[in-house]
Amino acid sequence: MIRFILLQNRQGKTRLAKYYIPLEESEKHKVEYEVHRLVVNRDPKFTNFVEFRTHKVIYRRYAGLFFSLCVDITDNELAYLECIHLFVEILDHFFSNVCELDLVFNFHKVRHFTCI
């Protein structure tokens, strides 16, 4: 089960955050900071899966953005990597070569894709 989806740039600015579990606002900021620290400092030679608290974060970097999913520890990592790739392909098709500015200025459209 997906716990949350985060889209963050290399500097740690969260461009999209969708939580599927209830969290306090302060806890959300803490989670975003921790996930960013986890994925940005990882060596590219390592896998795109990392344990996070009692869950697992699956992430992928596209240009300057990190797409991160937090899922249960027993879920299939490769299936979620494919989901991230599919999400990026949909955004790319919708915005005709998507970039970070598309996510910033068309936030409501991107947010709609996470509700599907």
PDB file of N, CA and C in Angstrom:
ATOM      1  N   MET A   1       0.839  -1.172   0.000  1.00  0.00           N
ATOM      2  CA  MET A   1       0.000   0.000   0.000  1.00  0.00           C
ATOM      3  C   MET A   1       0.891   1.245   0.000  1.00  0.00           C
ATOM      4  N   ILE A   2       0.530   2.208  -0.802  1.00  0.00           N
ATOM      5  CA  ILE A   2       1.285   3.451  -0.883  1.00  0.00           C
ATOM      6  C   ILE A   2       0.932   4.324   0.315  1.00  0.00           C
ATOM      7  N   ARG A   3       1.949   4.795   1.016  1.00  0.00           N
ATOM      8  CA  ARG A   3       1.764   5.688   2.166  1.00  0.00           C
ATOM      9  C   ARG A   3       1.757   7.152   1.725  1.00  0.00           C
ATOM     10  N   PHE A   4       2.709   7.503   0.859  1.00  0.00           N
ATOM     11  CA  PHE A   4       2.740   8.866   0.332  1.00  0.00           C
ATOM     12  C   PHE A   4       3.575   8.914  -0.939  1.00  0.00           C
ATOM     13  N   ILE A   5       3.364   9.991  -1.704  1.00  0.00           N
ATOM     14  CA  ILE A   5       4.113  10.278  -2.925  1.00  0.00           C
ATOM     15  C   ILE A   5       4.750  11.645  -2.747  1.00  0.00           C
ATOM     16  N   LEU A   6       6.027  11.752  -3.059  1.00  0.00           N
ATOM     17  CA  LEU A   6       6.724  13.031  -2.981  1.00  0.00           C
ATOM     18  C   LEU A   6       7.460  13.304  -4.283  1.00  0.00           C
ATOM     19  N   LEU A   7       7.349  14.526  -4.774  1.00  0.00           N
ATOM     20  CA  LEU A   7       8.161  15.013  -5.876  1.00  0.00           C
ATOM     21  C   LEU A   7       8.987  16.156  -5.326  1.00  0.00           C
ATOM     22  N   GLN A   8      10.293  15.975  -5.313  1.00  0.00           N
ATOM     23  CA  GLN A   8      11.190  16.976  -4.738  1.00  0.00           C
ATOM     24  C   GLN A   8      12.324  17.275  -5.702  1.00  0.00           C
ATOM     25  N   ASN A   9      12.787  18.535  -5.684  1.00  0.00           N
ATOM     26  CA  ASN A   9      13.949  18.862  -6.498  1.00  0.00           C
ATOM     27  C   ASN A   9      15.225  18.560  -5.725  1.00  0.00           C
ATOM     28  N   ARG A  10      16.366  18.809  -6.339  1.00  0.00           N
ATOM     29  CA  ARG A  10      17.645  18.468  -5.708  1.00  0.00           C
ATOM     30  C   ARG A  10      17.924  19.284  -4.451  1.00  0.00           C
ATOM     31  N   GLN A  11      17.334  20.474  -4.366  1.00  0.00           N
ATOM     32  CA  GLN A  11      17.549  21.320  -3.199  1.00  0.00           C
ATOM     33  C   GLN A  11      16.651  20.946  -2.025  1.00  0.00           C
ATOM     34  N   GLY A  12      15.707  20.049  -2.248  1.00  0.00           N
ATOM     35  CA  GLY A  12      14.823  19.615  -1.179  1.00  0.00           C
ATOM     36  C   GLY A  12      13.469  20.292  -1.171  1.00  0.00           C
ATOM     37  N   LYS A  13      13.207  21.138  -2.147  1.00  0.00           N
ATOM     38  CA  LYS A  13      11.913  21.814  -2.242  1.00  0.00           C
ATOM     39  C   LYS A  13      10.882  20.801  -2.735  1.00  0.00           C
ATOM     40  N   THR A  14       9.838  20.620  -1.963  1.00  0.00           N
ATOM     41  CA  THR A  14       8.790  19.672  -2.332  1.00  0.00           C
ATOM     42  C   THR A  14       7.856  20.322  -3.338  1.00  0.00           C
ATOM     43  N   ARG A  15       7.748  19.712  -4.503  1.00  0.00           N
ATOM     44  CA  ARG A  15       6.883  20.228  -5.563  1.00  0.00           C
ATOM     45  C   ARG A  15       5.499  19.594  -5.532  1.00  0.00           C
ATOM     46  N   LEU A  16       5.422  18.386  -5.012  1.00  0.00           N
ATOM     47  CA  LEU A  16       4.126  17.717  -4.869  1.00  0.00           C
ATOM     48  C   LEU A  16       4.233  16.734  -3.713  1.00  0.00           C
ATOM     49  N   ALA A  17       3.247  16.737  -2.857  1.00  0.00           N
ATOM     50  CA  ALA A  17       3.183  15.780  -1.755  1.00  0.00           C
ATOM     51  C   ALA A  17       1.745  15.299  -1.635  1.00  0.00           C
ATOM     52  N   LYS A  18       1.566  14.007  -1.755  1.00  0.00           N
ATOM     53  CA  LYS A  18       0.245  13.411  -1.631  1.00  0.00           C
ATOM     54  C   LYS A  18       0.339  12.320  -0.585  1.00  0.00           C
ATOM     55  N   TYR A  19      -0.392  12.487   0.516  1.00  0.00           N
ATOM     56  CA  TYR A  19      -0.363  11.530   1.620  1.00  0.00           C
ATOM     57  C   TYR A  19      -1.651  10.712   1.616  1.00  0.00           C
ATOM     58  N   TYR A  20      -1.502   9.412   1.720  1.00  0.00           N
ATOM     59  CA  TYR A  20      -2.647   8.513   1.767  1.00  0.00           C
ATOM     60  C   TYR A  20      -2.907   8.013   3.180  1.00  0.00           C
ATOM     61  N   ILE A  21      -2.138   8.531   4.134  1.00  0.00           N
ATOM     62  CA  ILE A  21      -2.347   8.238   5.554  1.00  0.00           C
ATOM     63  C   ILE A  21      -2.396   9.571   6.288  1.00  0.00           C
ATOM     64  N   PRO A  22      -3.132   9.645   7.376  1.00  0.00           N
ATOM     65  CA  PRO A  22      -3.213  10.924   8.103  1.00  0.00           C
ATOM     66  C   PRO A  22      -1.919  11.209   8.878  1.00  0.00           C
ATOM     67  N   LEU A  23      -1.378  12.394   8.665  1.00  0.00           N
ATOM     68  CA  LEU A  23      -0.193  12.851   9.385  1.00  0.00           C
ATOM     69  C   LEU A  23      -0.383  14.312   9.766  1.00  0.00           C
ATOM     70  N   GLU A  24       0.167  14.687  10.895  1.00  0.00           N
ATOM     71  CA  GLU A  24       0.164  16.095  11.304  1.00  0.00           C
ATOM     72  C   GLU A  24       1.071  16.885  10.366  1.00  0.00           C
ATOM     73  N   GLU A  25       0.807  18.186  10.270  1.00  0.00           N
ATOM     74  CA  GLU A  25       1.586  19.042   9.379  1.00  0.00           C
ATOM     75  C   GLU A  25       3.077  19.026   9.734  1.00  0.00           C
ATOM     76  N   SER A  26       3.388  19.055  11.008  1.00  0.00           N
ATOM     77  CA  SER A  26       4.789  19.031  11.426  1.00  0.00           C
ATOM     78  C   SER A  26       5.451  17.701  11.071  1.00  0.00           C
ATOM     79  N   GLU A  27       4.703  16.609  11.185  1.00  0.00           N
ATOM     80  CA  GLU A  27       5.223  15.292  10.832  1.00  0.00           C
ATOM     81  C   GLU A  27       5.460  15.191   9.322  1.00  0.00           C
ATOM     82  N   LYS A  28       4.589  15.811   8.527  1.00  0.00           N
ATOM     83  CA  LYS A  28       4.764  15.813   7.069  1.00  0.00           C
ATOM     84  C   LYS A  28       6.074  16.496   6.687  1.00  0.00           C
ATOM     85  N   HIS A  29       6.352  17.644   7.288  1.00  0.00           N
ATOM     86  CA  HIS A  29       7.589  18.356   6.986  1.00  0.00           C
ATOM     87  C   HIS A  29       8.811  17.538   7.402  1.00  0.00           C
ATOM     88  N   LYS A  30       8.697  16.863   8.529  1.00  0.00           N
ATOM     89  CA  LYS A  30       9.788  16.027   9.014  1.00  0.00           C
ATOM     90  C   LYS A  30      10.037  14.859   8.055  1.00  0.00           C
ATOM     91  N   VAL A  31       8.957  14.231   7.598  1.00  0.00           N
ATOM     92  CA  VAL A  31       9.063  13.109   6.662  1.00  0.00           C
ATOM     93  C   VAL A  31       9.684  13.579   5.351  1.00  0.00           C
ATOM     94  N   GLU A  32       9.230  14.718   4.832  1.00  0.00           N
ATOM     95  CA  GLU A  32       9.768  15.242   3.577  1.00  0.00           C
ATOM     96  C   GLU A  32      11.266  15.508   3.696  1.00  0.00           C
ATOM     97  N   TYR A  33      11.677  16.072   4.822  1.00  0.00           N
ATOM     98  CA  TYR A  33      13.093  16.360   5.043  1.00  0.00           C
ATOM     99  C   TYR A  33      13.900  15.053   5.114  1.00  0.00           C
ATOM    100  N   GLU A  34      13.405  14.081   5.852  1.00  0.00           N
ATOM    101  CA  GLU A  34      14.115  12.817   6.021  1.00  0.00           C
ATOM    102  C   GLU A  34      14.225  12.051   4.703  1.00  0.00           C
ATOM    103  N   VAL A  35      13.136  12.022   3.940  1.00  0.00           N
ATOM    104  CA  VAL A  35      13.158  11.305   2.660  1.00  0.00           C
ATOM    105  C   VAL A  35      14.139  11.985   1.714  1.00  0.00           C
ATOM    106  N   HIS A  36      14.124  13.305   1.683  1.00  0.00           N
ATOM    107  CA  HIS A  36      15.060  14.009   0.809  1.00  0.00           C
ATOM    108  C   HIS A  36      16.506  13.701   1.188  1.00  0.00           C
ATOM    109  N   ARG A  37      16.804  13.716   2.466  1.00  0.00           N
ATOM    110  CA  ARG A  37      18.159  13.400   2.924  1.00  0.00           C
ATOM    111  C   ARG A  37      18.555  11.969   2.541  1.00  0.00           C
ATOM    112  N   LEU A  38      17.592  11.056   2.586  1.00  0.00           N
ATOM    113  CA  LEU A  38      17.861   9.665   2.237  1.00  0.00           C
ATOM    114  C   LEU A  38      18.222   9.503   0.767  1.00  0.00           C
ATOM    115  N   VAL A  39      17.420  10.086  -0.116  1.00  0.00           N
ATOM    116  CA  VAL A  39      17.574   9.808  -1.545  1.00  0.00           C
ATOM    117  C   VAL A  39      18.630  10.674  -2.216  1.00  0.00           C
ATOM    118  N   VAL A  40      18.802  11.910  -1.781  1.00  0.00           N
ATOM    119  CA  VAL A  40      19.730  12.799  -2.481  1.00  0.00           C
ATOM    120  C   VAL A  40      21.186  12.431  -2.198  1.00  0.00           C
ATOM    121  N   ASN A  41      21.463  11.880  -1.047  1.00  0.00           N
ATOM    122  CA  ASN A  41      22.842  11.545  -0.685  1.00  0.00           C
ATOM    123  C   ASN A  41      23.247  10.123  -1.073  1.00  0.00           C
ATOM    124  N   ARG A  42      22.330   9.371  -1.657  1.00  0.00           N
ATOM    125  CA  ARG A  42      22.647   7.990  -2.027  1.00  0.00           C
ATOM    126  C   ARG A  42      23.478   7.937  -3.298  1.00  0.00           C
ATOM    127  N   ASP A  43      24.413   7.011  -3.304  1.00  0.00           N
ATOM    128  CA  ASP A  43      25.256   6.803  -4.479  1.00  0.00           C
ATOM    129  C   ASP A  43      24.396   6.249  -5.619  1.00  0.00           C
ATOM    130  N   PRO A  44      24.545   6.781  -6.831  1.00  0.00           N
ATOM    131  CA  PRO A  44      23.744   6.283  -7.964  1.00  0.00           C
ATOM    132  C   PRO A  44      23.985   4.807  -8.287  1.00  0.00           C
ATOM    133  N   LYS A  45      25.078   4.240  -7.798  1.00  0.00           N
ATOM    134  CA  LYS A  45      25.353   2.822  -8.049  1.00  0.00           C
ATOM    135  C   LYS A  45      24.455   1.905  -7.215  1.00  0.00           C
ATOM    136  N   PHE A  46      23.891   2.440  -6.135  1.00  0.00           N
ATOM    137  CA  PHE A  46      23.027   1.642  -5.275  1.00  0.00           C
ATOM    138  C   PHE A  46      21.632   1.507  -5.884  1.00  0.00           C
ATOM    139  N   THR A  47      20.830   0.612  -5.316  1.00  0.00           N
ATOM    140  CA  THR A  47      19.469   0.424  -5.807  1.00  0.00           C
ATOM    141  C   THR A  47      18.602   1.634  -5.461  1.00  0.00           C
ATOM    142  N   ASN A  48      17.452   1.703  -6.062  1.00  0.00           N
ATOM    143  CA  ASN A  48      16.507   2.799  -5.828  1.00  0.00           C
ATOM    144  C   ASN A  48      15.514   2.471  -4.722  1.00  0.00           C
ATOM    145  N   PHE A  49      15.847   1.523  -3.873  1.00  0.00           N
ATOM    146  CA  PHE A  49      14.995   1.135  -2.751  1.00  0.00           C
ATOM    147  C   PHE A  49      15.777   1.360  -1.466  1.00  0.00           C
ATOM    148  N   VAL A  50      15.124   1.941  -0.486  1.00  0.00           N
ATOM    149  CA  VAL A  50      15.801   2.176   0.793  1.00  0.00           C
ATOM    150  C   VAL A  50      14.773   2.043   1.911  1.00  0.00           C
ATOM    151  N   GLU A  51      15.187   1.428   3.007  1.00  0.00           N
ATOM    152  CA  GLU A  51      14.288   1.290   4.151  1.00  0.00           C
ATOM    153  C   GLU A  51      14.132   2.625   4.850  1.00  0.00           C
ATOM    154  N   PHE A  52      12.907   2.912   5.243  1.00  0.00           N
ATOM    155  CA  PHE A  52      12.574   4.174   5.892  1.00  0.00           C
ATOM    156  C   PHE A  52      11.609   3.874   7.027  1.00  0.00           C
ATOM    157  N   ARG A  53      12.100   4.019   8.250  1.00  0.00           N
ATOM    158  CA  ARG A  53      11.325   3.667   9.445  1.00  0.00           C
ATOM    159  C   ARG A  53      10.863   2.220   9.314  1.00  0.00           C
ATOM    160  N   THR A  54       9.556   1.974   9.324  1.00  0.00           N
ATOM    161  CA  THR A  54       9.063   0.599   9.189  1.00  0.00           C
ATOM    162  C   THR A  54       8.534   0.331   7.781  1.00  0.00           C
ATOM    163  N   HIS A  55       8.881   1.208   6.835  1.00  0.00           N
ATOM    164  CA  HIS A  55       8.401   1.085   5.457  1.00  0.00           C
ATOM    165  C   HIS A  55       9.587   1.090   4.500  1.00  0.00           C
ATOM    166  N   LYS A  56       9.285   1.256   3.235  1.00  0.00           N
ATOM    167  CA  LYS A  56      10.301   1.269   2.210  1.00  0.00           C
ATOM    168  C   LYS A  56      10.046   2.448   1.285  1.00  0.00           C
ATOM    169  N   VAL A  57      11.096   3.187   0.932  1.00  0.00           N
ATOM    170  CA  VAL A  57      10.980   4.280  -0.029  1.00  0.00           C
ATOM    171  C   VAL A  57      11.574   3.813  -1.344  1.00  0.00           C
ATOM    172  N   ILE A  58      10.788   3.970  -2.390  1.00  0.00           N
ATOM    173  CA  ILE A  58      11.225   3.647  -3.736  1.00  0.00           C
ATOM    174  C   ILE A  58      11.275   4.968  -4.485  1.00  0.00           C
ATOM    175  N   TYR A  59      12.399   5.272  -5.077  1.00  0.00           N
ATOM    176  CA  TYR A  59      12.555   6.577  -5.706  1.00  0.00           C
ATOM    177  C   TYR A  59      13.227   6.440  -7.065  1.00  0.00           C
ATOM    178  N   ARG A  60      13.077   7.477  -7.850  1.00  0.00           N
ATOM    179  CA  ARG A  60      13.746   7.543  -9.137  1.00  0.00           C
ATOM    180  C   ARG A  60      14.013   8.995  -9.446  1.00  0.00           C
ATOM    181  N   ARG A  61      15.171   9.272  -9.988  1.00  0.00           N
ATOM    182  CA  ARG A  61      15.529  10.643 -10.327  1.00  0.00           C
ATOM    183  C   ARG A  61      15.359  10.857 -11.822  1.00  0.00           C
ATOM    184  N   TYR A  62      14.601  11.865 -12.176  1.00  0.00           N
ATOM    185  CA  TYR A  62      14.443  12.290 -13.559  1.00  0.00           C
ATOM    186  C   TYR A  62      14.882  13.742 -13.631  1.00  0.00           C
ATOM    187  N   ALA A  63      15.963  14.003 -14.368  1.00  0.00           N
ATOM    188  CA  ALA A  63      16.563  15.337 -14.465  1.00  0.00           C
ATOM    189  C   ALA A  63      16.841  15.837 -13.049  1.00  0.00           C
ATOM    190  N   GLY A  64      16.218  16.916 -12.622  1.00  0.00           N
ATOM    191  CA  GLY A  64      16.482  17.462 -11.304  1.00  0.00           C
ATOM    192  C   GLY A  64      15.431  17.123 -10.277  1.00  0.00           C
ATOM    193  N   LEU A  65      14.515  16.198 -10.594  1.00  0.00           N
ATOM    194  CA  LEU A  65      13.426  15.854  -9.681  1.00  0.00           C
ATOM    195  C   LEU A  65      13.546  14.422  -9.179  1.00  0.00           C
ATOM    196  N   PHE A  66      13.237  14.250  -7.913  1.00  0.00           N
ATOM    197  CA  PHE A  66      13.168  12.926  -7.305  1.00  0.00           C
ATOM    198  C   PHE A  66      11.704  12.564  -7.111  1.00  0.00           C
ATOM    199  N   PHE A  67      11.282  11.456  -7.680  1.00  0.00           N
ATOM    200  CA  PHE A  67       9.935  10.921  -7.502  1.00  0.00           C
ATOM    201  C   PHE A  67      10.053   9.805  -6.472  1.00  0.00           C
ATOM    202  N   SER A  68       9.426   9.978  -5.317  1.00  0.00           N
ATOM    203  CA  SER A  68       9.561   9.019  -4.218  1.00  0.00           C
ATOM    204  C   SER A  68       8.203   8.487  -3.793  1.00  0.00           C
ATOM    205  N   LEU A  69       8.147   7.185  -3.561  1.00  0.00           N
ATOM    206  CA  LEU A  69       6.950   6.528  -3.035  1.00  0.00           C
ATOM    207  C   LEU A  69       7.340   5.818  -1.747  1.00  0.00           C
ATOM    208  N   CYS A  70       6.520   5.936  -0.735  1.00  0.00           N
ATOM    209  CA  CYS A  70       6.711   5.167   0.486  1.00  0.00           C
ATOM    210  C   CYS A  70       5.653   4.066   0.495  1.00  0.00           C
ATOM    211  N   VAL A  71       6.116   2.830   0.615  1.00  0.00           N
ATOM    212  CA  VAL A  71       5.210   1.684   0.542  1.00  0.00           C
ATOM    213  C   VAL A  71       5.513   0.724   1.688  1.00  0.00           C
ATOM    214  N   ASP A  72       4.668  -0.278   1.829  1.00  0.00           N
ATOM    215  CA  ASP A  72       4.895  -1.314   2.837  1.00  0.00           C
ATOM    216  C   ASP A  72       6.172  -2.086   2.509  1.00  0.00           C
ATOM    217  N   ILE A  73       6.766  -2.635   3.517  1.00  0.00           N
ATOM    218  CA  ILE A  73       8.047  -3.326   3.382  1.00  0.00           C
ATOM    219  C   ILE A  73       7.935  -4.578   2.508  1.00  0.00           C
ATOM    220  N   THR A  74       6.750  -5.175   2.419  1.00  0.00           N
ATOM    221  CA  THR A  74       6.585  -6.413   1.661  1.00  0.00           C
ATOM    222  C   THR A  74       6.150  -6.193   0.218  1.00  0.00           C
ATOM    223  N   ASP A  75       5.911  -4.953  -0.176  1.00  0.00           N
ATOM    224  CA  ASP A  75       5.445  -4.679  -1.540  1.00  0.00           C
ATOM    225  C   ASP A  75       6.559  -4.867  -2.567  1.00  0.00           C
ATOM    226  N   ASN A  76       6.160  -5.077  -3.808  1.00  0.00           N
ATOM    227  CA  ASN A  76       7.083  -5.326  -4.902  1.00  0.00           C
ATOM    228  C   ASN A  76       7.718  -4.019  -5.385  1.00  0.00           C
ATOM    229  N   GLU A  77       9.028  -3.905  -5.257  1.00  0.00           N
ATOM    230  CA  GLU A  77       9.741  -2.678  -5.609  1.00  0.00           C
ATOM    231  C   GLU A  77       9.694  -2.387  -7.103  1.00  0.00           C
ATOM    232  N   LEU A  78       9.861  -3.413  -7.911  1.00  0.00           N
ATOM    233  CA  LEU A  78       9.910  -3.214  -9.360  1.00  0.00           C
ATOM    234  C   LEU A  78       8.575  -2.735  -9.919  1.00  0.00           C
ATOM    235  N   ALA A  79       7.493  -3.197  -9.338  1.00  0.00           N
ATOM    236  CA  ALA A  79       6.179  -2.739  -9.778  1.00  0.00           C
ATOM    237  C   ALA A  79       6.009  -1.245  -9.502  1.00  0.00           C
ATOM    238  N   TYR A  80       6.501  -0.799  -8.359  1.00  0.00           N
ATOM    239  CA  TYR A  80       6.393   0.626  -8.036  1.00  0.00           C
ATOM    240  C   TYR A  80       7.368   1.471  -8.852  1.00  0.00           C
ATOM    241  N   LEU A  81       8.516   0.934  -9.200  1.00  0.00           N
ATOM    242  CA  LEU A  81       9.409   1.655 -10.117  1.00  0.00           C
ATOM    243  C   LEU A  81       8.736   1.856 -11.468  1.00  0.00           C
ATOM    244  N   GLU A  82       8.009   0.843 -11.914  1.00  0.00           N
ATOM    245  CA  GLU A  82       7.251   0.968 -13.162  1.00  0.00           C
ATOM    246  C   GLU A  82       6.140   2.008 -13.034  1.00  0.00           C
ATOM    247  N   CYS A  83       5.513   2.066 -11.872  1.00  0.00           N
ATOM    248  CA  CYS A  83       4.472   3.084 -11.636  1.00  0.00           C
ATOM    249  C   CYS A  83       5.050   4.492 -11.709  1.00  0.00           C
ATOM    250  N   ILE A  84       6.228   4.676 -11.128  1.00  0.00           N
ATOM    251  CA  ILE A  84       6.880   5.981 -11.197  1.00  0.00           C
ATOM    252  C   ILE A  84       7.182   6.332 -12.649  1.00  0.00           C
ATOM    253  N   HIS A  85       7.709   5.375 -13.383  1.00  0.00           N
ATOM    254  CA  HIS A  85       8.036   5.620 -14.787  1.00  0.00           C
ATOM    255  C   HIS A  85       6.785   5.932 -15.599  1.00  0.00           C
ATOM    256  N   LEU A  86       5.712   5.202 -15.347  1.00  0.00           N
ATOM    257  CA  LEU A  86       4.451   5.466 -16.042  1.00  0.00           C
ATOM    258  C   LEU A  86       3.923   6.862 -15.718  1.00  0.00           C
ATOM    259  N   PHE A  87       4.011   7.263 -14.463  1.00  0.00           N
ATOM    260  CA  PHE A  87       3.576   8.597 -14.051  1.00  0.00           C
ATOM    261  C   PHE A  87       4.378   9.675 -14.781  1.00  0.00           C
ATOM    262  N   VAL A  88       5.680   9.485 -14.897  1.00  0.00           N
ATOM    263  CA  VAL A  88       6.526  10.444 -15.615  1.00  0.00           C
ATOM    264  C   VAL A  88       6.175  10.466 -17.101  1.00  0.00           C
ATOM    265  N   GLU A  89       5.919   9.310 -17.681  1.00  0.00           N
ATOM    266  CA  GLU A  89       5.525   9.266 -19.095  1.00  0.00           C
ATOM    267  C   GLU A  89       4.204   9.985 -19.326  1.00  0.00           C
ATOM    268  N   ILE A  90       3.252   9.824 -18.406  1.00  0.00           N
ATOM    269  CA  ILE A  90       1.965  10.520 -18.533  1.00  0.00           C
ATOM    270  C   ILE A  90       2.172  12.030 -18.447  1.00  0.00           C
ATOM    271  N   LEU A  91       2.974  12.469 -17.487  1.00  0.00           N
ATOM    272  CA  LEU A  91       3.266  13.900 -17.367  1.00  0.00           C
ATOM    273  C   LEU A  91       3.982  14.421 -18.604  1.00  0.00           C
ATOM    274  N   ASP A  92       4.906  13.639 -19.104  1.00  0.00           N
ATOM    275  CA  ASP A  92       5.661  14.037 -20.294  1.00  0.00           C
ATOM    276  C   ASP A  92       4.752  14.177 -21.500  1.00  0.00           C
ATOM    277  N   HIS A  93       3.832  13.258 -21.642  1.00  0.00           N
ATOM    278  CA  HIS A  93       2.886  13.318 -22.759  1.00  0.00           C
ATOM    279  C   HIS A  93       1.917  14.495 -22.593  1.00  0.00           C
ATOM    280  N   PHE A  94       1.455  14.707 -21.389  1.00  0.00           N
ATOM    281  CA  PHE A  94       0.476  15.758 -21.121  1.00  0.00           C
ATOM    282  C   PHE A  94       1.069  17.146 -21.311  1.00  0.00           C
ATOM    283  N   PHE A  95       2.310  17.357 -20.838  1.00  0.00           N
ATOM    284  CA  PHE A  95       2.940  18.672 -20.907  1.00  0.00           C
ATOM    285  C   PHE A  95       3.911  18.809 -22.076  1.00  0.00           C
ATOM    286  N   SER A  96       4.047  17.805 -22.909  1.00  0.00           N
ATOM    287  CA  SER A  96       4.987  17.829 -24.026  1.00  0.00           C
ATOM    288  C   SER A  96       6.399  18.169 -23.537  1.00  0.00           C
ATOM    289  N   ASN A  97       7.062  17.179 -23.015  1.00  0.00           N
ATOM    290  CA  ASN A  97       8.405  17.312 -22.442  1.00  0.00           C
ATOM    291  C   ASN A  97       8.356  18.089 -21.128  1.00  0.00           C
ATOM    292  N   VAL A  98       7.897  17.418 -20.105  1.00  0.00           N
ATOM    293  CA  VAL A  98       7.659  18.017 -18.789  1.00  0.00           C
ATOM    294  C   VAL A  98       8.957  18.498 -18.140  1.00  0.00           C
ATOM    295  N   CYS A  99       8.848  19.596 -17.411  1.00  0.00           N
ATOM    296  CA  CYS A  99       9.970  20.103 -16.620  1.00  0.00           C
ATOM    297  C   CYS A  99       9.428  20.553 -15.261  1.00  0.00           C
ATOM    298  N   GLU A 100      10.323  20.949 -14.386  1.00  0.00           N
ATOM    299  CA  GLU A 100       9.919  21.331 -13.031  1.00  0.00           C
ATOM    300  C   GLU A 100       8.954  22.508 -13.034  1.00  0.00           C
ATOM    301  N   LEU A 101       9.120  23.435 -13.952  1.00  0.00           N
ATOM    302  CA  LEU A 101       8.228  24.598 -14.018  1.00  0.00           C
ATOM    303  C   LEU A 101       6.792  24.202 -14.374  1.00  0.00           C
ATOM    304  N   ASP A 102       6.640  23.153 -15.173  1.00  0.00           N
ATOM    305  CA  ASP A 102       5.288  22.659 -15.470  1.00  0.00           C
ATOM    306  C   ASP A 102       4.598  22.196 -14.194  1.00  0.00           C
ATOM    307  N   LEU A 103       5.348  21.562 -13.318  1.00  0.00           N
ATOM    308  CA  LEU A 103       4.779  21.088 -12.057  1.00  0.00           C
ATOM    309  C   LEU A 103       4.419  22.248 -11.139  1.00  0.00           C
ATOM    310  N   VAL A 104       5.220  23.304 -11.175  1.00  0.00           N
ATOM    311  CA  VAL A 104       4.981  24.459 -10.308  1.00  0.00           C
ATOM    312  C   VAL A 104       3.764  25.258 -10.782  1.00  0.00           C
ATOM    313  N   PHE A 105       3.720  25.555 -12.076  1.00  0.00           N
ATOM    314  CA  PHE A 105       2.666  26.436 -12.583  1.00  0.00           C
ATOM    315  C   PHE A 105       1.371  25.704 -12.935  1.00  0.00           C
ATOM    316  N   ASN A 106       1.404  24.393 -13.021  1.00  0.00           N
ATOM    317  CA  ASN A 106       0.198  23.609 -13.309  1.00  0.00           C
ATOM    318  C   ASN A 106      -0.035  22.582 -12.207  1.00  0.00           C
ATOM    319  N   PHE A 107       0.140  23.032 -10.975  1.00  0.00           N
ATOM    320  CA  PHE A 107       0.046  22.146  -9.818  1.00  0.00           C
ATOM    321  C   PHE A 107      -1.287  21.408  -9.775  1.00  0.00           C
ATOM    322  N   HIS A 108      -2.376  22.101 -10.046  1.00  0.00           N
ATOM    323  CA  HIS A 108      -3.704  21.487  -9.962  1.00  0.00           C
ATOM    324  C   HIS A 108      -3.868  20.347 -10.966  1.00  0.00           C
ATOM    325  N   LYS A 109      -3.251  20.447 -12.119  1.00  0.00           N
ATOM    326  CA  LYS A 109      -3.337  19.369 -13.119  1.00  0.00           C
ATOM    327  C   LYS A 109      -2.526  18.147 -12.684  1.00  0.00           C
ATOM    328  N   VAL A 110      -1.348  18.402 -12.150  1.00  0.00           N
ATOM    329  CA  VAL A 110      -0.489  17.299 -11.691  1.00  0.00           C
ATOM    330  C   VAL A 110      -1.140  16.600 -10.514  1.00  0.00           C
ATOM    331  N   ARG A 111      -1.720  17.364  -9.608  1.00  0.00           N
ATOM    332  CA  ARG A 111      -2.383  16.800  -8.429  1.00  0.00           C
ATOM    333  C   ARG A 111      -3.545  15.894  -8.844  1.00  0.00           C
ATOM    334  N   HIS A 112      -4.201  16.251  -9.943  1.00  0.00           N
ATOM    335  CA  HIS A 112      -5.313  15.436 -10.451  1.00  0.00           C
ATOM    336  C   HIS A 112      -4.828  14.032 -10.836  1.00  0.00           C
ATOM    337  N   PHE A 113      -3.629  13.924 -11.394  1.00  0.00           N
ATOM    338  CA  PHE A 113      -3.096  12.623 -11.797  1.00  0.00           C
ATOM    339  C   PHE A 113      -2.849  11.723 -10.596  1.00  0.00           C
ATOM    340  N   THR A 114      -2.530  12.295  -9.426  1.00  0.00           N
ATOM    341  CA  THR A 114      -2.260  11.469  -8.251  1.00  0.00           C
ATOM    342  C   THR A 114      -3.550  10.940  -7.617  1.00  0.00           C
ATOM    343  N   CYS A 115      -4.671  11.516  -8.000  1.00  0.00           N
ATOM    344  CA  CYS A 115      -5.957  11.072  -7.439  1.00  0.00           C
ATOM    345  C   CYS A 115      -6.532   9.892  -8.204  1.00  0.00           C
ATOM    346  N   ILE A 116      -5.992   9.623  -9.367  1.00  0.00           N
ATOM    347  CA  ILE A 116      -6.525   8.546 -10.210  1.00  0.00           C
ATOM    348  C   ILE A 116      -6.121   7.203  -9.666  1.00  0.00           C
TER     349      ILE A 116
END
